PDB file of N, CA and C in Angstrom:
ATOM      1  N   MET A   1     -13.627   6.257   8.435  1.00  0.00           N
ATOM      2  CA  MET A   1     -13.281   4.857   8.386  1.00  0.00           C
ATOM      3  C   MET A   1     -14.195   4.081   9.312  1.00  0.00           C
ATOM      4  N   LEU A   2     -14.294   2.815   9.038  1.00  0.00           N
ATOM      5  CA  LEU A   2     -15.136   1.968   9.853  1.00  0.00           C
ATOM      6  C   LEU A   2     -14.437   1.659  11.166  1.00  0.00           C
ATOM      7  N   GLU A   3     -15.205   1.465  12.215  1.00  0.00           N
ATOM      8  CA  GLU A   3     -14.628   1.188  13.518  1.00  0.00           C
ATOM      9  C   GLU A   3     -15.256  -0.078  14.071  1.00  0.00           C
ATOM     10  N   ASP A   4     -14.421  -0.990  14.590  1.00  0.00           N
ATOM     11  CA  ASP A   4     -14.968  -2.223  15.149  1.00  0.00           C
ATOM     12  C   ASP A   4     -15.267  -2.042  16.636  1.00  0.00           C
ATOM     13  N   ASP A   5     -15.668  -3.121  17.304  1.00  0.00           N
ATOM     14  CA  ASP A   5     -16.063  -3.060  18.707  1.00  0.00           C
ATOM     15  C   ASP A   5     -14.927  -2.632  19.635  1.00  0.00           C
ATOM     16  N   SER A   6     -13.679  -2.882  19.234  1.00  0.00           N
ATOM     17  CA  SER A   6     -12.550  -2.516  20.090  1.00  0.00           C
ATOM     18  C   SER A   6     -12.159  -1.049  19.938  1.00  0.00           C
ATOM     19  N   GLY A   7     -12.816  -0.318  19.027  1.00  0.00           N
ATOM     20  CA  GLY A   7     -12.509   1.087  18.819  1.00  0.00           C
ATOM     21  C   GLY A   7     -11.403   1.331  17.811  1.00  0.00           C
ATOM     22  N   VAL A   8     -10.919   0.258  17.161  1.00  0.00           N
ATOM     23  CA  VAL A   8      -9.857   0.375  16.166  1.00  0.00           C
ATOM     24  C   VAL A   8     -10.469   0.705  14.814  1.00  0.00           C
ATOM     25  N   SER A   9      -9.945   1.743  14.168  1.00  0.00           N
ATOM     26  CA  SER A   9     -10.440   2.111  12.846  1.00  0.00           C
ATOM     27  C   SER A   9      -9.908   1.134  11.808  1.00  0.00           C
ATOM     28  N   ARG A  10     -10.739   0.829  10.835  1.00  0.00           N
ATOM     29  CA  ARG A  10     -10.326  -0.045   9.747  1.00  0.00           C
ATOM     30  C   ARG A  10     -10.964   0.455   8.464  1.00  0.00           C
ATOM     31  N   ALA A  11     -10.405   0.045   7.361  1.00  0.00           N
ATOM     32  CA  ALA A  11     -10.921   0.450   6.063  1.00  0.00           C
ATOM     33  C   ALA A  11     -10.761  -0.715   5.101  1.00  0.00           C
ATOM     34  N   THR A  12     -11.511  -0.671   4.026  1.00  0.00           N
ATOM     35  CA  THR A  12     -11.441  -1.681   2.994  1.00  0.00           C
ATOM     36  C   THR A  12     -10.717  -1.107   1.793  1.00  0.00           C
ATOM     37  N   VAL A  13      -9.695  -1.812   1.311  1.00  0.00           N
ATOM     38  CA  VAL A  13      -8.999  -1.389   0.097  1.00  0.00           C
ATOM     39  C   VAL A  13      -9.877  -1.770  -1.091  1.00  0.00           C
ATOM     40  N   VAL A  14     -10.289  -0.751  -1.850  1.00  0.00           N
ATOM     41  CA  VAL A  14     -11.191  -0.957  -2.973  1.00  0.00           C
ATOM     42  C   VAL A  14     -10.431  -1.021  -4.292  1.00  0.00           C
ATOM     43  N   ASP A  15      -9.381  -0.224  -4.419  1.00  0.00           N
ATOM     44  CA  ASP A  15      -8.619  -0.168  -5.663  1.00  0.00           C
ATOM     45  C   ASP A  15      -7.198   0.287  -5.355  1.00  0.00           C
ATOM     46  N   ILE A  16      -6.277  -0.036  -6.250  1.00  0.00           N
ATOM     47  CA  ILE A  16      -4.881   0.371  -6.105  1.00  0.00           C
ATOM     48  C   ILE A  16      -4.376   0.871  -7.449  1.00  0.00           C
ATOM     49  N   ASP A  17      -3.784   2.051  -7.457  1.00  0.00           N
ATOM     50  CA  ASP A  17      -3.035   2.562  -8.608  1.00  0.00           C
ATOM     51  C   ASP A  17      -1.571   2.523  -8.220  1.00  0.00           C
ATOM     52  N   TRP A  18      -0.705   2.227  -9.176  1.00  0.00           N
ATOM     53  CA  TRP A  18       0.712   2.167  -8.862  1.00  0.00           C
ATOM     54  C   TRP A  18       1.533   2.712 -10.004  1.00  0.00           C
ATOM     55  N   GLN A  19       2.739   3.133  -9.659  1.00  0.00           N
ATOM     56  CA  GLN A  19       3.658   3.701 -10.628  1.00  0.00           C
ATOM     57  C   GLN A  19       5.080   3.375 -10.171  1.00  0.00           C
ATOM     58  N   VAL A  20       5.913   2.919 -11.092  1.00  0.00           N
ATOM     59  CA  VAL A  20       7.310   2.605 -10.793  1.00  0.00           C
ATOM     60  C   VAL A  20       8.169   3.723 -11.341  1.00  0.00           C
ATOM     61  N   GLY A  21       9.191   4.096 -10.587  1.00  0.00           N
ATOM     62  CA  GLY A  21      10.093   5.154 -11.033  1.00  0.00           C
ATOM     63  C   GLY A  21      11.538   4.847 -10.685  1.00  0.00           C
ATOM     64  N   VAL A  22      12.426   5.570 -11.334  1.00  0.00           N
ATOM     65  CA  VAL A  22      13.859   5.473 -11.074  1.00  0.00           C
ATOM     66  C   VAL A  22      14.384   6.884 -10.857  1.00  0.00           C
ATOM     67  N   VAL A  23      15.175   7.065  -9.797  1.00  0.00           N
ATOM     68  CA  VAL A  23      15.757   8.374  -9.516  1.00  0.00           C
ATOM     69  C   VAL A  23      16.835   8.640 -10.563  1.00  0.00           C
ATOM     70  N   ALA A  24      16.625   9.688 -11.376  1.00  0.00           N
ATOM     71  CA  ALA A  24      17.577  10.023 -12.436  1.00  0.00           C
ATOM     72  C   ALA A  24      18.680  10.952 -11.935  1.00  0.00           C
ATOM     73  N   ALA A  25      18.348  11.827 -11.028  1.00  0.00           N
ATOM     74  CA  ALA A  25      19.336  12.775 -10.501  1.00  0.00           C
ATOM     75  C   ALA A  25      18.999  13.078  -9.049  1.00  0.00           C
ATOM     76  N   SER A  26      20.037  13.264  -8.251  1.00  0.00           N
ATOM     77  CA  SER A  26      19.836  13.565  -6.845  1.00  0.00           C
ATOM     78  C   SER A  26      21.097  14.219  -6.285  1.00  0.00           C
ATOM     79  N   SER A  27      20.908  15.057  -5.286  1.00  0.00           N
ATOM     80  CA  SER A  27      22.065  15.640  -4.618  1.00  0.00           C
ATOM     81  C   SER A  27      22.710  14.634  -3.668  1.00  0.00           C
ATOM     82  N   VAL A  28      22.013  13.535  -3.400  1.00  0.00           N
ATOM     83  CA  VAL A  28      22.541  12.454  -2.573  1.00  0.00           C
ATOM     84  C   VAL A  28      23.092  11.379  -3.512  1.00  0.00           C
ATOM     85  N   PRO A  29      24.398  11.157  -3.518  1.00  0.00           N
ATOM     86  CA  PRO A  29      25.005  10.241  -4.494  1.00  0.00           C
ATOM     87  C   PRO A  29      24.422   8.825  -4.498  1.00  0.00           C
ATOM     88  N   ASP A  30      24.080   8.289  -3.349  1.00  0.00           N
ATOM     89  CA  ASP A  30      23.573   6.915  -3.293  1.00  0.00           C
ATOM     90  C   ASP A  30      22.151   6.769  -3.838  1.00  0.00           C
ATOM     91  N   MET A  31      21.435   7.857  -4.032  1.00  0.00           N
ATOM     92  CA  MET A  31      20.046   7.797  -4.488  1.00  0.00           C
ATOM     93  C   MET A  31      19.923   7.627  -6.002  1.00  0.00           C
ATOM     94  N   LYS A  32      20.917   8.089  -6.751  1.00  0.00           N
ATOM     95  CA  LYS A  32      20.858   8.025  -8.212  1.00  0.00           C
ATOM     96  C   LYS A  32      20.740   6.578  -8.672  1.00  0.00           C
ATOM     97  N   GLY A  33      19.738   6.309  -9.506  1.00  0.00           N
ATOM     98  CA  GLY A  33      19.515   4.970 -10.034  1.00  0.00           C
ATOM     99  C   GLY A  33      18.643   4.087  -9.164  1.00  0.00           C
ATOM    100  N   LYS A  34      18.218   4.573  -8.003  1.00  0.00           N
ATOM    101  CA  LYS A  34      17.356   3.780  -7.117  1.00  0.00           C
ATOM    102  C   LYS A  34      15.947   3.675  -7.700  1.00  0.00           C
ATOM    103  N   THR A  35      15.347   2.519  -7.522  1.00  0.00           N
ATOM    104  CA  THR A  35      13.997   2.265  -8.001  1.00  0.00           C
ATOM    105  C   THR A  35      13.021   2.435  -6.840  1.00  0.00           C
ATOM    106  N   TYR A  36      11.847   2.969  -7.133  1.00  0.00           N
ATOM    107  CA  TYR A  36      10.816   3.137  -6.113  1.00  0.00           C
ATOM    108  C   TYR A  36       9.453   2.831  -6.713  1.00  0.00           C
ATOM    109  N   LEU A  37       8.504   2.608  -5.851  1.00  0.00           N
ATOM    110  CA  LEU A  37       7.132   2.328  -6.258  1.00  0.00           C
ATOM    111  C   LEU A  37       6.203   3.280  -5.526  1.00  0.00           C
ATOM    112  N   GLN A  38       5.366   3.972  -6.268  1.00  0.00           N
ATOM    113  CA  GLN A  38       4.357   4.845  -5.667  1.00  0.00           C
ATOM    114  C   GLN A  38       3.021   4.106  -5.707  1.00  0.00           C
ATOM    115  N   LEU A  39       2.387   3.985  -4.551  1.00  0.00           N
ATOM    116  CA  LEU A  39       1.083   3.336  -4.451  1.00  0.00           C
ATOM    117  C   LEU A  39       0.035   4.360  -4.053  1.00  0.00           C
ATOM    118  N   LYS A  40      -1.110   4.255  -4.678  1.00  0.00           N
ATOM    119  CA  LYS A  40      -2.263   5.060  -4.284  1.00  0.00           C
ATOM    120  C   LYS A  40      -3.379   4.061  -3.980  1.00  0.00           C
ATOM    121  N   LEU A  41      -3.628   3.879  -2.693  1.00  0.00           N
ATOM    122  CA  LEU A  41      -4.681   2.957  -2.248  1.00  0.00           C
ATOM    123  C   LEU A  41      -5.975   3.735  -2.083  1.00  0.00           C
ATOM    124  N   PHE A  42      -7.050   3.202  -2.593  1.00  0.00           N
ATOM    125  CA  PHE A  42      -8.361   3.817  -2.406  1.00  0.00           C
ATOM    126  C   PHE A  42      -9.085   3.027  -1.331  1.00  0.00           C
ATOM    127  N   LEU A  43      -9.314   3.686  -0.201  1.00  0.00           N
ATOM    128  CA  LEU A  43      -9.924   3.049   0.962  1.00  0.00           C
ATOM    129  C   LEU A  43     -11.379   3.454   1.095  1.00  0.00           C
ATOM    130  N   GLU A  44     -12.217   2.461   1.375  1.00  0.00           N
ATOM    131  CA  GLU A  44     -13.619   2.749   1.650  1.00  0.00           C
ATOM    132  C   GLU A  44     -13.715   3.111   3.122  1.00  0.00           C
ATOM    133  N   LYS A  45     -13.967   4.391   3.394  1.00  0.00           N
ATOM    134  CA  LYS A  45     -14.002   4.835   4.786  1.00  0.00           C
ATOM    135  C   LYS A  45     -15.403   4.786   5.372  1.00  0.00           C
ATOM    136  N   ASP A  46     -16.367   4.804   4.551  1.00  0.00           N
ATOM    137  CA  ASP A  46     -17.742   4.522   4.956  1.00  0.00           C
ATOM    138  C   ASP A  46     -18.407   3.905   3.736  1.00  0.00           C
ATOM    139  N   PHE A  47     -19.697   3.804   3.721  1.00  0.00           N
ATOM    140  CA  PHE A  47     -20.341   3.085   2.632  1.00  0.00           C
ATOM    141  C   PHE A  47     -20.568   3.919   1.376  1.00  0.00           C
ATOM    142  N   GLU A  48     -20.188   5.189   1.405  1.00  0.00           N
ATOM    143  CA  GLU A  48     -20.459   6.035   0.248  1.00  0.00           C
ATOM    144  C   GLU A  48     -19.233   6.717  -0.336  1.00  0.00           C
ATOM    145  N   SER A  49     -18.132   6.827   0.396  1.00  0.00           N
ATOM    146  CA  SER A  49     -17.015   7.609  -0.115  1.00  0.00           C
ATOM    147  C   SER A  49     -15.698   6.834  -0.039  1.00  0.00           C
ATOM    148  N   LEU A  50     -14.796   7.197  -0.934  1.00  0.00           N
ATOM    149  CA  LEU A  50     -13.462   6.615  -0.964  1.00  0.00           C
ATOM    150  C   LEU A  50     -12.443   7.659  -0.538  1.00  0.00           C
ATOM    151  N   GLU A  51     -11.413   7.213   0.136  1.00  0.00           N
ATOM    152  CA  GLU A  51     -10.343   8.099   0.586  1.00  0.00           C
ATOM    153  C   GLU A  51      -9.029   7.595  -0.004  1.00  0.00           C
ATOM    154  N   PRO A  52      -8.308   8.418  -0.782  1.00  0.00           N
ATOM    155  CA  PRO A  52      -7.027   7.965  -1.323  1.00  0.00           C
ATOM    156  C   PRO A  52      -5.929   8.026  -0.253  1.00  0.00           C
ATOM    157  N   LEU A  53      -5.065   7.039  -0.258  1.00  0.00           N
ATOM    158  CA  LEU A  53      -3.912   6.998   0.636  1.00  0.00           C
ATOM    159  C   LEU A  53      -2.682   6.850  -0.247  1.00  0.00           C
ATOM    160  N   LEU A  54      -1.804   7.848  -0.227  1.00  0.00           N
ATOM    161  CA  LEU A  54      -0.610   7.847  -1.060  1.00  0.00           C
ATOM    162  C   LEU A  54       0.594   7.384  -0.255  1.00  0.00           C
ATOM    163  N   THR A  55       1.419   6.545  -0.861  1.00  0.00           N
ATOM    164  CA  THR A  55       2.638   6.092  -0.202  1.00  0.00           C
ATOM    165  C   THR A  55       3.703   5.796  -1.252  1.00  0.00           C
ATOM    166  N   GLU A  56       4.960   5.850  -0.830  1.00  0.00           N
ATOM    167  CA  GLU A  56       6.068   5.537  -1.717  1.00  0.00           C
ATOM    168  C   GLU A  56       6.966   4.530  -1.023  1.00  0.00           C
ATOM    169  N   LEU A  57       7.315   3.472  -1.728  1.00  0.00           N
ATOM    170  CA  LEU A  57       8.104   2.385  -1.167  1.00  0.00           C
ATOM    171  C   LEU A  57       9.356   2.152  -1.996  1.00  0.00           C
ATOM    172  N   ASP A  58      10.469   1.823  -1.311  1.00  0.00           N
ATOM    173  CA  ASP A  58      11.618   1.345  -2.080  1.00  0.00           C
ATOM    174  C   ASP A  58      11.367  -0.133  -2.379  1.00  0.00           C
ATOM    175  N   ILE A  59      12.236  -0.745  -3.144  1.00  0.00           N
ATOM    176  CA  ILE A  59      11.987  -2.117  -3.583  1.00  0.00           C
ATOM    177  C   ILE A  59      11.909  -3.095  -2.410  1.00  0.00           C
ATOM    178  N   ALA A  60      12.781  -2.960  -1.432  1.00  0.00           N
ATOM    179  CA  ALA A  60      12.760  -3.862  -0.268  1.00  0.00           C
ATOM    180  C   ALA A  60      11.439  -3.732   0.494  1.00  0.00           C
ATOM    181  N   MET A  61      10.983  -2.511   0.690  1.00  0.00           N
ATOM    182  CA  MET A  61       9.715  -2.285   1.395  1.00  0.00           C
ATOM    183  C   MET A  61       8.546  -2.846   0.580  1.00  0.00           C
ATOM    184  N   PHE A  62       8.601  -2.687  -0.751  1.00  0.00           N
ATOM    185  CA  PHE A  62       7.541  -3.215  -1.606  1.00  0.00           C
ATOM    186  C   PHE A  62       7.441  -4.720  -1.469  1.00  0.00           C
ATOM    187  N   TYR A  63       8.578  -5.422  -1.499  1.00  0.00           N
ATOM    188  CA  TYR A  63       8.528  -6.879  -1.396  1.00  0.00           C
ATOM    189  C   TYR A  63       8.008  -7.330  -0.033  1.00  0.00           C
ATOM    190  N   LYS A  64       8.334  -6.628   1.028  1.00  0.00           N
ATOM    191  CA  LYS A  64       7.768  -6.948   2.342  1.00  0.00           C
ATOM    192  C   LYS A  64       6.251  -6.771   2.322  1.00  0.00           C
ATOM    193  N   PHE A  65       5.781  -5.665   1.728  1.00  0.00           N
ATOM    194  CA  PHE A  65       4.352  -5.393   1.606  1.00  0.00           C
ATOM    195  C   PHE A  65       3.676  -6.467   0.758  1.00  0.00           C
ATOM    196  N   PHE A  66       4.284  -6.805  -0.363  1.00  0.00           N
ATOM    197  CA  PHE A  66       3.729  -7.806  -1.270  1.00  0.00           C
ATOM    198  C   PHE A  66       3.596  -9.162  -0.578  1.00  0.00           C
ATOM    199  N   HIS A  67       4.653  -9.589   0.146  1.00  0.00           N
ATOM    200  CA  HIS A  67       4.604 -10.879   0.832  1.00  0.00           C
ATOM    201  C   HIS A  67       3.576 -10.873   1.964  1.00  0.00           C
ATOM    202  N   ALA A  68       3.404  -9.740   2.626  1.00  0.00           N
ATOM    203  CA  ALA A  68       2.361  -9.637   3.662  1.00  0.00           C
ATOM    204  C   ALA A  68       0.981  -9.784   3.035  1.00  0.00           C
ATOM    205  N   LEU A  69       0.776  -9.181   1.865  1.00  0.00           N
ATOM    206  CA  LEU A  69      -0.507  -9.333   1.162  1.00  0.00           C
ATOM    207  C   LEU A  69      -0.738 -10.783   0.748  1.00  0.00           C
ATOM    208  N   LYS A  70       0.317 -11.449   0.285  1.00  0.00           N
ATOM    209  CA  LYS A  70       0.189 -12.855  -0.107  1.00  0.00           C
ATOM    210  C   LYS A  70      -0.178 -13.720   1.099  1.00  0.00           C
ATOM    211  N   ARG A  71       0.486 -13.466   2.247  1.00  0.00           N
ATOM    212  CA  ARG A  71       0.163 -14.233   3.460  1.00  0.00           C
ATOM    213  C   ARG A  71      -1.279 -13.981   3.890  1.00  0.00           C
ATOM    214  N   ALA A  72      -1.728 -12.738   3.780  1.00  0.00           N
ATOM    215  CA  ALA A  72      -3.109 -12.413   4.140  1.00  0.00           C
ATOM    216  C   ALA A  72      -4.089 -13.120   3.209  1.00  0.00           C
ATOM    217  N   THR A  73      -3.764 -13.172   1.937  1.00  0.00           N
ATOM    218  CA  THR A  73      -4.624 -13.853   0.960  1.00  0.00           C
ATOM    219  C   THR A  73      -4.726 -15.335   1.283  1.00  0.00           C
ATOM    220  N   VAL A  74      -3.604 -15.958   1.584  1.00  0.00           N
ATOM    221  CA  VAL A  74      -3.603 -17.393   1.940  1.00  0.00           C
ATOM    222  C   VAL A  74      -4.429 -17.612   3.201  1.00  0.00           C
ATOM    223  N   ALA A  75      -4.246 -16.763   4.211  1.00  0.00           N
ATOM    224  CA  ALA A  75      -4.999 -16.908   5.459  1.00  0.00           C
ATOM    225  C   ALA A  75      -6.496 -16.758   5.222  1.00  0.00           C
ATOM    226  N   LEU A  76      -6.877 -15.785   4.411  1.00  0.00           N
ATOM    227  CA  LEU A  76      -8.301 -15.592   4.108  1.00  0.00           C
ATOM    228  C   LEU A  76      -8.864 -16.761   3.306  1.00  0.00           C
ATOM    229  N   ASP A  77      -8.086 -17.299   2.384  1.00  0.00           N
ATOM    230  CA  ASP A  77      -8.535 -18.451   1.607  1.00  0.00           C
ATOM    231  C   ASP A  77      -8.780 -19.665   2.503  1.00  0.00           C
ATOM    232  N   GLU A  78      -7.953 -19.824   3.532  1.00  0.00           N
ATOM    233  CA  GLU A  78      -8.126 -20.932   4.464  1.00  0.00           C
ATOM    234  C   GLU A  78      -9.383 -20.759   5.306  1.00  0.00           C
ATOM    235  N   ILE A  79      -9.696 -19.527   5.675  1.00  0.00           N
ATOM    236  CA  ILE A  79     -10.876 -19.247   6.494  1.00  0.00           C
ATOM    237  C   ILE A  79     -12.158 -19.404   5.685  1.00  0.00           C
ATOM    238  N   LEU A  80     -12.134 -18.853   4.474  1.00  0.00           N
ATOM    239  CA  LEU A  80     -13.325 -18.873   3.627  1.00  0.00           C
ATOM    240  C   LEU A  80     -13.356 -20.151   2.874  1.00  0.00           C
TER     241      LEU A  80
END
């Protein structure tokens, strides 16, 4: 991954694959029927290779992530 002057690693999101699912059966009663989203983010870790990052979010977590992306987009639009 790329590193800035402060020593913090950063990466560029190049592509996103996603999949929505519903829990059909579970040994945990409250899980049955729950919706989830699987995200596969492709991060540019240097200038030649991509690194996949897999994550799974419930609906509440997805909406928090989505709204954070929207806020970031608005902030970047204001800067650029």
